[in-house]
């Protein structure tokens, strides 16, 4: 079974002071309609997720697997 994959179009980074946790919101489209994911990763992992969202293009969301992924990239390739 193939998973559906959606390109992350934009994101918002927040810090929930009440609950003392990072809050990442990202947006993608399904059939032209906006969808979003509210994610509260462990604080020690948030820096890696934010780095991916800021520095990798494109980034994709896979709802069935509940993960973010980048596309294929050659080892050692410089960012443009």
PDB file of N, CA and C in Angstrom:
ATOM      1  N   UNK A   1       0.839  -1.184   0.000  1.00  0.00           N
ATOM      2  CA  UNK A   1       0.000   0.000   0.000  1.00  0.00           C
ATOM      3  C   UNK A   1       0.885   1.249   0.000  1.00  0.00           C
ATOM      4  N   UNK A   2       0.663   2.108  -0.962  1.00  0.00           N
ATOM      5  CA  UNK A   2       1.442   3.341  -1.064  1.00  0.00           C
ATOM      6  C   UNK A   2       0.821   4.427  -0.185  1.00  0.00           C
ATOM      7  N   UNK A   3       1.680   5.114   0.536  1.00  0.00           N
ATOM      8  CA  UNK A   3       1.218   6.233   1.355  1.00  0.00           C
ATOM      9  C   UNK A   3       1.028   7.463   0.479  1.00  0.00           C
ATOM     10  N   UNK A   4       0.084   8.317   0.850  1.00  0.00           N
ATOM     11  CA  UNK A   4      -0.069   9.610   0.194  1.00  0.00           C
ATOM     12  C   UNK A   4       0.927  10.563   0.832  1.00  0.00           C
ATOM     13  N   UNK A   5       1.534  11.389   0.005  1.00  0.00           N
ATOM     14  CA  UNK A   5       2.580  12.307   0.439  1.00  0.00           C
ATOM     15  C   UNK A   5       2.174  13.718   0.018  1.00  0.00           C
ATOM     16  N   UNK A   6       2.291  14.672   0.941  1.00  0.00           N
ATOM     17  CA  UNK A   6       1.889  16.049   0.674  1.00  0.00           C
ATOM     18  C   UNK A   6       3.039  16.999   0.980  1.00  0.00           C
ATOM     19  N   UNK A   7       3.253  17.967   0.094  1.00  0.00           N
ATOM     20  CA  UNK A   7       4.322  18.932   0.311  1.00  0.00           C
ATOM     21  C   UNK A   7       3.912  19.931   1.394  1.00  0.00           C
ATOM     22  N   UNK A   8       4.794  20.151   2.354  1.00  0.00           N
ATOM     23  CA  UNK A   8       4.573  21.162   3.390  1.00  0.00           C
ATOM     24  C   UNK A   8       4.763  22.522   2.733  1.00  0.00           C
ATOM     25  N   UNK A   9       3.733  23.356   2.787  1.00  0.00           N
ATOM     26  CA  UNK A   9       3.758  24.653   2.105  1.00  0.00           C
ATOM     27  C   UNK A   9       4.329  25.758   2.999  1.00  0.00           C
ATOM     28  N   UNK A  10       4.042  25.700   4.306  1.00  0.00           N
ATOM     29  CA  UNK A  10       4.568  26.686   5.242  1.00  0.00           C
ATOM     30  C   UNK A  10       4.421  26.150   6.659  1.00  0.00           C
ATOM     31  N   UNK A  11       5.014  26.868   7.593  1.00  0.00           N
ATOM     32  CA  UNK A  11       4.995  26.398   8.982  1.00  0.00           C
ATOM     33  C   UNK A  11       5.045  27.570   9.947  1.00  0.00           C
ATOM     34  N   UNK A  12       4.676  27.297  11.190  1.00  0.00           N
ATOM     35  CA  UNK A  12       4.717  28.270  12.276  1.00  0.00           C
ATOM     36  C   UNK A  12       5.403  27.589  13.453  1.00  0.00           C
ATOM     37  N   UNK A  13       6.304  28.311  14.091  1.00  0.00           N
ATOM     38  CA  UNK A  13       6.983  27.795  15.285  1.00  0.00           C
ATOM     39  C   UNK A  13       6.502  28.591  16.486  1.00  0.00           C
ATOM     40  N   UNK A  14       6.125  27.889  17.520  1.00  0.00           N
ATOM     41  CA  UNK A  14       5.665  28.532  18.751  1.00  0.00           C
ATOM     42  C   UNK A  14       6.267  27.804  19.948  1.00  0.00           C
ATOM     43  N   UNK A  15       6.172  28.477  21.088  1.00  0.00           N
ATOM     44  CA  UNK A  15       6.530  27.818  22.338  1.00  0.00           C
ATOM     45  C   UNK A  15       5.361  28.012  23.293  1.00  0.00           C
ATOM     46  N   UNK A  16       4.780  26.916  23.729  1.00  0.00           N
ATOM     47  CA  UNK A  16       3.625  26.920  24.628  1.00  0.00           C
ATOM     48  C   UNK A  16       4.137  27.123  26.056  1.00  0.00           C
ATOM     49  N   UNK A  17       4.079  28.353  26.542  1.00  0.00           N
ATOM     50  CA  UNK A  17       4.619  28.662  27.870  1.00  0.00           C
ATOM     51  C   UNK A  17       3.816  28.014  28.985  1.00  0.00           C
ATOM     52  N   UNK A  18       2.511  27.890  28.781  1.00  0.00           N
ATOM     53  CA  UNK A  18       1.664  27.294  29.816  1.00  0.00           C
ATOM     54  C   UNK A  18       2.088  25.855  30.102  1.00  0.00           C
ATOM     55  N   UNK A  19       2.338  25.100  29.039  1.00  0.00           N
ATOM     56  CA  UNK A  19       2.711  23.688  29.185  1.00  0.00           C
ATOM     57  C   UNK A  19       4.202  23.427  28.989  1.00  0.00           C
ATOM     58  N   UNK A  20       4.972  24.518  28.785  1.00  0.00           N
ATOM     59  CA  UNK A  20       6.431  24.415  28.638  1.00  0.00           C
ATOM     60  C   UNK A  20       6.839  23.385  27.583  1.00  0.00           C
ATOM     61  N   UNK A  21       6.374  23.620  26.338  1.00  0.00           N
ATOM     62  CA  UNK A  21       6.720  22.690  25.262  1.00  0.00           C
ATOM     63  C   UNK A  21       6.734  23.407  23.911  1.00  0.00           C
ATOM     64  N   UNK A  22       7.565  22.918  22.993  1.00  0.00           N
ATOM     65  CA  UNK A  22       7.570  23.465  21.639  1.00  0.00           C
ATOM     66  C   UNK A  22       6.271  23.103  20.931  1.00  0.00           C
ATOM     67  N   UNK A  23       5.898  23.962  20.006  1.00  0.00           N
ATOM     68  CA  UNK A  23       4.669  23.753  19.243  1.00  0.00           C
ATOM     69  C   UNK A  23       4.978  24.083  17.789  1.00  0.00           C
ATOM     70  N   UNK A  24       4.870  23.108  16.928  1.00  0.00           N
ATOM     71  CA  UNK A  24       5.126  23.292  15.505  1.00  0.00           C
ATOM     72  C   UNK A  24       3.820  23.049  14.757  1.00  0.00           C
ATOM     73  N   UNK A  25       3.468  24.001  13.915  1.00  0.00           N
ATOM     74  CA  UNK A  25       2.268  23.876  13.085  1.00  0.00           C
ATOM     75  C   UNK A  25       2.734  23.948  11.637  1.00  0.00           C
ATOM     76  N   UNK A  26       2.363  22.969  10.834  1.00  0.00           N
ATOM     77  CA  UNK A  26       2.676  23.091   9.410  1.00  0.00           C
ATOM     78  C   UNK A  26       1.432  22.842   8.585  1.00  0.00           C
ATOM     79  N   UNK A  27       1.458  23.424   7.379  1.00  0.00           N
ATOM     80  CA  UNK A  27       0.289  23.447   6.507  1.00  0.00           C
ATOM     81  C   UNK A  27       0.599  22.776   5.179  1.00  0.00           C
ATOM     82  N   UNK A  28      -0.391  22.073   4.665  1.00  0.00           N
ATOM     83  CA  UNK A  28      -0.282  21.425   3.359  1.00  0.00           C
ATOM     84  C   UNK A  28      -1.665  21.407   2.724  1.00  0.00           C
ATOM     85  N   UNK A  29      -1.730  21.102   1.439  1.00  0.00           N
ATOM     86  CA  UNK A  29      -3.014  21.080   0.734  1.00  0.00           C
ATOM     87  C   UNK A  29      -3.373  19.666   0.299  1.00  0.00           C
ATOM     88  N   UNK A  30      -4.664  19.359   0.421  1.00  0.00           N
ATOM     89  CA  UNK A  30      -5.233  18.108  -0.085  1.00  0.00           C
ATOM     90  C   UNK A  30      -6.369  18.518  -1.018  1.00  0.00           C
ATOM     91  N   UNK A  31      -6.229  18.185  -2.278  1.00  0.00           N
ATOM     92  CA  UNK A  31      -7.240  18.558  -3.281  1.00  0.00           C
ATOM     93  C   UNK A  31      -7.560  20.052  -3.232  1.00  0.00           C
ATOM     94  N   UNK A  32      -6.516  20.877  -3.077  1.00  0.00           N
ATOM     95  CA  UNK A  32      -6.678  22.324  -3.077  1.00  0.00           C
ATOM     96  C   UNK A  32      -7.169  22.924  -1.776  1.00  0.00           C
ATOM     97  N   UNK A  33      -7.441  22.101  -0.770  1.00  0.00           N
ATOM     98  CA  UNK A  33      -7.920  22.599   0.529  1.00  0.00           C
ATOM     99  C   UNK A  33      -6.797  22.522   1.560  1.00  0.00           C
ATOM    100  N   UNK A  34      -6.658  23.608   2.326  1.00  0.00           N
ATOM    101  CA  UNK A  34      -5.614  23.660   3.344  1.00  0.00           C
ATOM    102  C   UNK A  34      -5.906  22.708   4.495  1.00  0.00           C
ATOM    103  N   UNK A  35      -4.866  22.039   4.934  1.00  0.00           N
ATOM    104  CA  UNK A  35      -4.894  21.186   6.129  1.00  0.00           C
ATOM    105  C   UNK A  35      -3.722  21.629   7.006  1.00  0.00           C
ATOM    106  N   UNK A  36      -3.808  21.335   8.292  1.00  0.00           N
ATOM    107  CA  UNK A  36      -2.668  21.647   9.151  1.00  0.00           C
ATOM    108  C   UNK A  36      -2.466  20.544  10.177  1.00  0.00           C
ATOM    109  N   UNK A  37      -1.261  20.519  10.693  1.00  0.00           N
ATOM    110  CA  UNK A  37      -0.881  19.574  11.741  1.00  0.00           C
ATOM    111  C   UNK A  37      -0.323  20.380  12.897  1.00  0.00           C
ATOM    112  N   UNK A  38      -0.836  20.151  14.092  1.00  0.00           N
ATOM    113  CA  UNK A  38      -0.292  20.721  15.324  1.00  0.00           C
ATOM    114  C   UNK A  38       0.547  19.636  15.968  1.00  0.00           C
ATOM    115  N   UNK A  39       1.813  19.912  16.142  1.00  0.00           N
ATOM    116  CA  UNK A  39       2.743  18.899  16.629  1.00  0.00           C
ATOM    117  C   UNK A  39       3.450  19.449  17.861  1.00  0.00           C
ATOM    118  N   UNK A  40       3.498  18.662  18.903  1.00  0.00           N
ATOM    119  CA  UNK A  40       4.170  19.032  20.147  1.00  0.00           C
ATOM    120  C   UNK A  40       5.299  18.030  20.391  1.00  0.00           C
ATOM    121  N   UNK A  41       6.411  18.170  19.664  1.00  0.00           N
ATOM    122  CA  UNK A  41       7.495  17.199  19.814  1.00  0.00           C
ATOM    123  C   UNK A  41       8.220  17.386  21.141  1.00  0.00           C
ATOM    124  N   UNK A  42       8.933  16.363  21.591  1.00  0.00           N
ATOM    125  CA  UNK A  42       9.774  16.543  22.777  1.00  0.00           C
ATOM    126  C   UNK A  42      10.769  17.681  22.519  1.00  0.00           C
ATOM    127  N   UNK A  43      11.039  18.470  23.530  1.00  0.00           N
ATOM    128  CA  UNK A  43      11.914  19.635  23.370  1.00  0.00           C
ATOM    129  C   UNK A  43      13.258  19.271  22.754  1.00  0.00           C
ATOM    130  N   UNK A  44      13.803  18.123  23.136  1.00  0.00           N
ATOM    131  CA  UNK A  44      15.123  17.744  22.619  1.00  0.00           C
ATOM    132  C   UNK A  44      15.092  17.394  21.131  1.00  0.00           C
ATOM    133  N   UNK A  45      13.921  17.121  20.568  1.00  0.00           N
ATOM    134  CA  UNK A  45      13.807  16.799  19.138  1.00  0.00           C
ATOM    135  C   UNK A  45      13.379  17.993  18.295  1.00  0.00           C
ATOM    136  N   UNK A  46      12.798  19.001  18.910  1.00  0.00           N
ATOM    137  CA  UNK A  46      12.249  20.135  18.162  1.00  0.00           C
ATOM    138  C   UNK A  46      13.308  20.826  17.316  1.00  0.00           C
ATOM    139  N   UNK A  47      14.515  20.945  17.817  1.00  0.00           N
ATOM    140  CA  UNK A  47      15.570  21.635  17.070  1.00  0.00           C
ATOM    141  C   UNK A  47      15.857  20.938  15.740  1.00  0.00           C
ATOM    142  N   UNK A  48      15.785  19.625  15.700  1.00  0.00           N
ATOM    143  CA  UNK A  48      16.038  18.885  14.456  1.00  0.00           C
ATOM    144  C   UNK A  48      14.895  19.066  13.463  1.00  0.00           C
ATOM    145  N   UNK A  49      13.682  19.088  13.957  1.00  0.00           N
ATOM    146  CA  UNK A  49      12.519  19.280  13.092  1.00  0.00           C
ATOM    147  C   UNK A  49      12.536  20.687  12.506  1.00  0.00           C
ATOM    148  N   UNK A  50      12.816  21.671  13.340  1.00  0.00           N
ATOM    149  CA  UNK A  50      12.885  23.055  12.884  1.00  0.00           C
ATOM    150  C   UNK A  50      13.999  23.215  11.853  1.00  0.00           C
ATOM    151  N   UNK A  51      15.139  22.584  12.085  1.00  0.00           N
ATOM    152  CA  UNK A  51      16.244  22.648  11.128  1.00  0.00           C
ATOM    153  C   UNK A  51      15.809  22.100   9.770  1.00  0.00           C
ATOM    154  N   UNK A  52      15.093  20.991   9.766  1.00  0.00           N
ATOM    155  CA  UNK A  52      14.615  20.413   8.509  1.00  0.00           C
ATOM    156  C   UNK A  52      13.661  21.378   7.802  1.00  0.00           C
ATOM    157  N   UNK A  53      12.710  21.937   8.535  1.00  0.00           N
ATOM    158  CA  UNK A  53      11.743  22.845   7.927  1.00  0.00           C
ATOM    159  C   UNK A  53      12.412  24.103   7.380  1.00  0.00           C
ATOM    160  N   UNK A  54      13.435  24.593   8.056  1.00  0.00           N
ATOM    161  CA  UNK A  54      14.118  25.809   7.619  1.00  0.00           C
ATOM    162  C   UNK A  54      15.080  25.574   6.465  1.00  0.00           C
ATOM    163  N   UNK A  55      15.767  24.453   6.473  1.00  0.00           N
ATOM    164  CA  UNK A  55      16.899  24.275   5.561  1.00  0.00           C
ATOM    165  C   UNK A  55      16.712  23.279   4.435  1.00  0.00           C
ATOM    166  N   UNK A  56      15.738  22.424   4.520  1.00  0.00           N
ATOM    167  CA  UNK A  56      15.522  21.437   3.457  1.00  0.00           C
ATOM    168  C   UNK A  56      14.325  21.852   2.614  1.00  0.00           C
ATOM    169  N   UNK A  57      14.453  21.712   1.326  1.00  0.00           N
ATOM    170  CA  UNK A  57      13.357  22.030   0.414  1.00  0.00           C
ATOM    171  C   UNK A  57      13.339  20.976  -0.676  1.00  0.00           C
ATOM    172  N   UNK A  58      12.244  20.425  -1.022  1.00  0.00           N
ATOM    173  CA  UNK A  58      10.974  20.489  -0.312  1.00  0.00           C
ATOM    174  C   UNK A  58      10.925  19.504   0.853  1.00  0.00           C
ATOM    175  N   UNK A  59       9.971  19.728   1.734  1.00  0.00           N
ATOM    176  CA  UNK A  59       9.701  18.818   2.851  1.00  0.00           C
ATOM    177  C   UNK A  59       8.280  18.299   2.660  1.00  0.00           C
ATOM    178  N   UNK A  60       8.087  17.022   2.947  1.00  0.00           N
ATOM    179  CA  UNK A  60       6.791  16.384   2.736  1.00  0.00           C
ATOM    180  C   UNK A  60       6.245  15.809   4.038  1.00  0.00           C
ATOM    181  N   UNK A  61       4.917  15.764   4.131  1.00  0.00           N
ATOM    182  CA  UNK A  61       4.200  15.170   5.265  1.00  0.00           C
ATOM    183  C   UNK A  61       3.523  13.902   4.778  1.00  0.00           C
ATOM    184  N   UNK A  62       3.675  12.838   5.554  1.00  0.00           N
ATOM    185  CA  UNK A  62       3.043  11.553   5.250  1.00  0.00           C
ATOM    186  C   UNK A  62       2.084  11.247   6.402  1.00  0.00           C
ATOM    187  N   UNK A  63       0.782  11.565   6.244  1.00  0.00           N
ATOM    188  CA  UNK A  63      -0.169  11.401   7.344  1.00  0.00           C
ATOM    189  C   UNK A  63      -0.292   9.977   7.869  1.00  0.00           C
ATOM    190  N   UNK A  64      -0.296   8.984   6.983  1.00  0.00           N
ATOM    191  CA  UNK A  64      -0.472   7.599   7.436  1.00  0.00           C
ATOM    192  C   UNK A  64       0.677   7.145   8.331  1.00  0.00           C
ATOM    193  N   UNK A  65       1.870   7.586   8.006  1.00  0.00           N
ATOM    194  CA  UNK A  65       3.031   7.220   8.814  1.00  0.00           C
ATOM    195  C   UNK A  65       3.343   8.228   9.898  1.00  0.00           C
ATOM    196  N   UNK A  66       2.672   9.382   9.829  1.00  0.00           N
ATOM    197  CA  UNK A  66       2.874  10.483  10.774  1.00  0.00           C
ATOM    198  C   UNK A  66       4.333  10.915  10.845  1.00  0.00           C
ATOM    199  N   UNK A  67       4.922  11.172   9.658  1.00  0.00           N
ATOM    200  CA  UNK A  67       6.305  11.641   9.638  1.00  0.00           C
ATOM    201  C   UNK A  67       6.534  12.673   8.545  1.00  0.00           C
ATOM    202  N   UNK A  68       7.576  13.483   8.760  1.00  0.00           N
ATOM    203  CA  UNK A  68       8.072  14.422   7.764  1.00  0.00           C
ATOM    204  C   UNK A  68       9.235  13.773   7.047  1.00  0.00           C
ATOM    205  N   UNK A  69       9.422  14.114   5.781  1.00  0.00           N
ATOM    206  CA  UNK A  69      10.542  13.572   5.024  1.00  0.00           C
ATOM    207  C   UNK A  69      10.998  14.589   3.985  1.00  0.00           C
ATOM    208  N   UNK A  70      12.241  14.472   3.582  1.00  0.00           N
ATOM    209  CA  UNK A  70      12.749  15.273   2.476  1.00  0.00           C
ATOM    210  C   UNK A  70      12.694  14.422   1.223  1.00  0.00           C
ATOM    211  N   UNK A  71      13.007  15.031   0.103  1.00  0.00           N
ATOM    212  CA  UNK A  71      13.084  14.267  -1.135  1.00  0.00           C
ATOM    213  C   UNK A  71      14.495  13.715  -1.285  1.00  0.00           C
ATOM    214  N   UNK A  72      14.700  12.942  -2.315  1.00  0.00           N
ATOM    215  CA  UNK A  72      16.000  12.351  -2.608  1.00  0.00           C
ATOM    216  C   UNK A  72      17.041  13.450  -2.779  1.00  0.00           C
ATOM    217  N   UNK A  73      18.220  13.266  -2.183  1.00  0.00           N
ATOM    218  CA  UNK A  73      19.304  14.227  -2.318  1.00  0.00           C
ATOM    219  C   UNK A  73      20.619  13.468  -2.350  1.00  0.00           C
ATOM    220  N   UNK A  74      21.493  13.866  -3.260  1.00  0.00           N
ATOM    221  CA  UNK A  74      22.802  13.240  -3.387  1.00  0.00           C
ATOM    222  C   UNK A  74      23.640  13.583  -2.156  1.00  0.00           C
ATOM    223  N   UNK A  75      24.376  12.612  -1.633  1.00  0.00           N
ATOM    224  CA  UNK A  75      25.247  12.834  -0.476  1.00  0.00           C
ATOM    225  C   UNK A  75      26.273  13.912  -0.824  1.00  0.00           C
ATOM    226  N   UNK A  76      26.437  14.881   0.075  1.00  0.00           N
ATOM    227  CA  UNK A  76      27.415  15.946  -0.128  1.00  0.00           C
ATOM    228  C   UNK A  76      26.920  17.088  -0.995  1.00  0.00           C
ATOM    229  N   UNK A  77      25.697  17.018  -1.467  1.00  0.00           N
ATOM    230  CA  UNK A  77      25.150  18.081  -2.307  1.00  0.00           C
ATOM    231  C   UNK A  77      24.985  19.346  -1.481  1.00  0.00           C
ATOM    232  N   UNK A  78      25.415  20.470  -2.048  1.00  0.00           N
ATOM    233  CA  UNK A  78      25.272  21.741  -1.352  1.00  0.00           C
ATOM    234  C   UNK A  78      23.878  22.302  -1.566  1.00  0.00           C
ATOM    235  N   UNK A  79      23.395  23.027  -0.564  1.00  0.00           N
ATOM    236  CA  UNK A  79      22.094  23.677  -0.681  1.00  0.00           C
ATOM    237  C   UNK A  79      22.239  24.879  -1.600  1.00  0.00           C
ATOM    238  N   UNK A  80      21.185  25.195  -2.343  1.00  0.00           N
ATOM    239  CA  UNK A  80      21.230  26.366  -3.232  1.00  0.00           C
ATOM    240  C   UNK A  80      20.294  27.433  -2.753  1.00  0.00           C
TER     241      UNK A  80
END
